[in-house]
Every structure is written in structure tokens, then in C-alpha cells.
Amino acid sequence: MTATLSVVHRSIGFEVRRRPYEVLLDGASVGTVEMNGTLTVTLEPGDHDVQVRAGRQASARRAFHAGDGEVVAWRCTGKRPLPIFLASFFVPSLALALVRR
């Protein structure tokens, strides 16, 4: 039997960088996902990892287990820093964490 990986590129609100993301499954490219689009890939059941990247920027590799006949879904967006930036006004140590990246 097989499992399915579904990667959705969706943002709540406004996203400045709307380019497609390349999706890597176990380190190998399996396709791209456009803004407001979905990439669906069939894979063997077992342990895998997924990563998305756009140009030089890449997410961390996320490990997951796909069971037989299971659909594993991931959502990616480029909006993560905004809440951290806003929170840094209240917790200044967060601002230092952004600068050190």
C-alpha cells in the first residue's frame, strides 16, 4: 500500500514573497507548490522528512511517520517572523534572537 503527503502553501493575510516553494522529501526534490496551491505526492509508508525552500531560504527538516493509507498534511507560509517582530517590543530578548540568525 502507499501513503500520501500533501503540502499546502497558504497564508493568512498578506504575504510579501509569493514565489513558489520547492518541496524536498527525504532530501530529494518532488515538485513545487504555488501560493494558494497544493502539492500531493504518493510515498511509501514509514519514516520520512520534509523540507521547503525558496531560493537561499529553507525551512528546517521536519520528520514524520506515514502509516499505510494515511494522508500526512503540512502547511507552509512565509509569515513566521512578523509575530516574533511584534512580540519583540514587549520582550526585547526576542529582537536579539532575530538579529543573531
Protein backbone atom coordinates (compact mmCIF):
# COMPACT_ATOMS: atom_id res chain seq x y z
CA MET A 1 0.00 0.00 0.00
CA THR A 2 1.04 3.67 -0.14
CA ALA A 3 0.72 6.87 1.88
CA THR A 4 0.17 10.44 0.70
CA LEU A 5 2.00 13.67 1.51
CA SER A 6 0.06 16.90 0.98
CA VAL A 7 1.86 20.27 1.19
CA VAL A 8 -0.25 23.44 1.08
CA HIS A 9 1.23 26.94 0.53
CA ARG A 10 -1.27 29.24 2.16
CA SER A 11 -1.01 32.46 4.11
CA ILE A 12 -3.43 34.24 6.40
CA GLY A 13 -3.44 37.90 5.43
CA PHE A 14 -0.74 39.41 3.25
CA GLU A 15 2.48 37.69 2.21
CA VAL A 16 5.20 39.75 0.52
CA ARG A 17 7.15 36.88 -1.06
CA ARG A 18 4.62 34.95 -3.12
CA ARG A 19 7.03 32.81 -5.15
CA PRO A 20 6.60 29.03 -5.31
CA TYR A 21 8.31 26.79 -2.76
CA GLU A 22 10.32 23.74 -3.73
CA VAL A 23 9.34 20.67 -1.68
CA LEU A 24 12.01 18.15 -0.68
CA LEU A 25 11.07 14.69 0.56
CA ASP A 26 13.95 12.83 2.22
CA GLY A 27 16.36 15.37 0.68
CA ALA A 28 15.14 14.93 -2.92
CA SER A 29 13.01 17.47 -4.79
CA VAL A 30 9.49 16.19 -5.50
CA GLY A 31 7.99 19.35 -7.01
CA THR A 32 6.92 22.91 -6.27
CA VAL A 33 3.86 24.40 -4.64
CA GLU A 34 2.50 27.78 -5.75
CA MET A 35 0.88 30.33 -3.43
CA ASN A 36 -2.62 29.07 -2.51
CA GLY A 37 -1.77 25.76 -4.16
CA THR A 38 -1.33 22.17 -3.00
CA LEU A 39 1.28 19.57 -3.93
CA THR A 40 0.27 15.93 -3.41
CA VAL A 41 2.89 13.17 -3.52
CA THR A 42 2.50 9.41 -3.11
CA LEU A 43 5.13 7.79 -0.89
CA GLU A 44 5.97 4.52 0.81
CA PRO A 45 4.74 4.08 4.39
CA GLY A 46 7.42 4.69 7.02
CA ASP A 47 9.63 7.43 8.43
CA HIS A 48 10.38 10.43 6.20
CA ASP A 49 11.30 14.10 6.42
CA VAL A 50 10.00 17.10 4.53
CA GLN A 51 11.56 20.50 3.86
CA VAL A 52 10.53 23.51 1.76
CA ARG A 53 12.80 26.12 0.27
CA ALA A 54 12.62 29.25 -1.82
CA GLY A 55 15.94 30.32 -3.28
CA ARG A 56 18.53 30.51 -0.49
CA GLN A 57 15.94 30.30 2.30
CA ALA A 58 14.87 26.90 3.60
CA SER A 59 12.77 25.55 6.42
CA ALA A 60 14.07 23.08 8.95
CA ARG A 61 13.70 19.41 8.02
CA ARG A 62 10.59 18.04 9.72
CA ALA A 63 10.43 14.32 10.43
CA PHE A 64 7.14 12.44 10.24
CA HIS A 65 5.79 8.91 10.09
CA ALA A 66 3.35 7.98 7.32
CA GLY A 67 1.17 4.98 8.01
CA ASP A 68 -0.27 2.69 5.36
CA GLY A 69 -3.08 4.53 3.54
CA GLU A 70 -2.55 7.67 5.67
CA VAL A 71 -2.54 11.27 4.39
CA VAL A 72 0.09 13.49 6.04
CA ALA A 73 -0.57 17.21 5.55
CA TRP A 74 1.80 20.17 6.01
CA ARG A 75 1.09 23.90 5.56
CA CYS A 76 3.89 26.32 4.69
CA THR A 77 3.91 30.11 4.74
CA GLY A 78 6.47 32.90 4.78
CA LYS A 79 4.86 34.90 7.60
CA ARG A 80 6.61 33.49 10.68
CA PRO A 81 8.86 36.49 11.59
CA LEU A 82 6.05 39.08 11.88
CA PRO A 83 4.57 37.82 15.19
CA ILE A 84 8.10 37.47 16.61
CA PHE A 85 8.94 41.02 15.47
CA LEU A 86 5.80 42.42 17.12
CA ALA A 87 6.43 40.44 20.30
CA SER A 88 9.97 41.84 20.46
CA PHE A 89 8.51 45.21 21.50
CA PHE A 90 7.30 43.57 24.69
CA VAL A 91 10.14 41.05 25.17
CA PRO A 92 13.36 42.74 23.95
CA SER A 93 15.39 39.50 24.08
CA LEU A 94 13.38 38.29 21.06
CA ALA A 95 14.83 41.12 18.98
CA LEU A 96 18.33 39.83 19.74
CA ALA A 97 17.30 36.34 18.63
CA LEU A 98 16.20 37.76 15.24
CA VAL A 99 19.48 39.65 14.75
CA ARG A 100 21.61 36.57 15.51
CA ARG A 101 20.05 34.45 12.73
